[in-house]
Amino acid sequence: MTAHDAPRPFGHTSDGQPLHLVGLGDVADGLTVGVTDVGAGLVTAVAPDAHGRPADVTLGFDTGRDYLDGPNPYLGATVGRVANRIAHARFALDGREHRLLANEGDHHLHGGGPRALSWHVWQLVDASRTSATFTTTSPDGEEGYPGTLEVTATYEVDGPTLTIRYRATTDAPTPVSLTSHGYWNLEGHDHGDVRDHLVQVDADAFTATDADNVPTGAVVEVVGTAVDLRTDTVVSDRLAALADPDAPHGPTLDHNLVLARGPRPLTPVARIAAPGSGRTLTLATTEPGLQVYAGAGIPAGLAGKGGVAYGPFAGLCLEPQGWPDAINQPGFPSPVLRPGETYEHVTQLTFGTG
């Protein structure tokens, strides 16, 4: 399976705008991915198993229109302006209060409503056999955020490694925390369940949350909790522990693990492995947090690629990001981007076996 540097048709928006898919890499070298201008998103990731047999290991849809018009739990999307949650859909910045769209109860999730970055049709500005770059503009006031934000997302494949780079600039102070919301099933996107996967994260603490999964401001050591992932851990074991009504940190695996107190050099931080296929995925990032989400909220019967019905726990997310609700938590690393500064975020995903 060899990629082509020319974008391929990927359907149309409801008003007729053409959508595109770009293939990168060669599975013979370890990895082929497909990326789209819809949400600057990841659509496919084909990697060999321990016997050399290729399979697509990320959840997605067959057309760009499916990403925009139907139920979509952010499959493969670039998420922002601010990933994760902002409490009560508001924040104060430089003495001015800003109100955002509340799209998860009383709170703001993943950049908000229909004009969040995940639902933009980005512009493809460069594509080759190994890389693709998309750009978009989020105007001042979009989803309630101040400032005009210029954003670039670049995907690059080198052998078995996918590198995702985000850059952003602004003309007014605004919070920014982007992430790639890929759902991984290393047995194959059509396998149906990731509860047998192993997950390991080099994190000694996590940001505690309330019943709405919004941070309380406390940073809690993982030792002795159900989110201690410092050694290889079976996902189902952690789900069972979190479902315990007496567990203080539940009810499912959807937690921001603390990697650092701010941006840092690109560092390997996490690994997942599938026992059946033998595939592994190692994640390195510059970001200070990593949301680990076992996919409990994927709608049952969600129609995915090739007519496959996805459902809860069909994919596992590793979302590098700033700490959630950091704009409202003075003890958290600041997410504020100011004019003259450049937001930069690099994540590498390396596929292997063993």
Foldseek 3Di string as FASTA:
>chain_A
DFWFQDWDWFDAEPVGHTKTKGWADDQVLAWIWIAILQLRFTAWIWGAFPVGHIFTWWWFARGSRCQAPHDDPLARHKFDQAAAKAPQQWFDDPRDIWHFAAPQVSIAHRQHDCPTSNGDRWAWDGTGRFKTKTWDWDDACRRGWGWIKIKMWMWGDDRQKIKIKMKIATAFKTFGKIKGWIFGDPVHLLPAAQQQKWKAFPFQWFFAADPSRAGPLDIGGCPPALPHRHDTDRQNVSCVRLCPPPHPGDNHQWTKGFQDQAFDPWAWTMKMADVPRQKMKIKTKRAGIWTKHQQQPAPFQPQIPPRRGYHRRSGITTIGIFHGNCSVHVSGRGRMHGHPDMDMMMMMMGMDGD
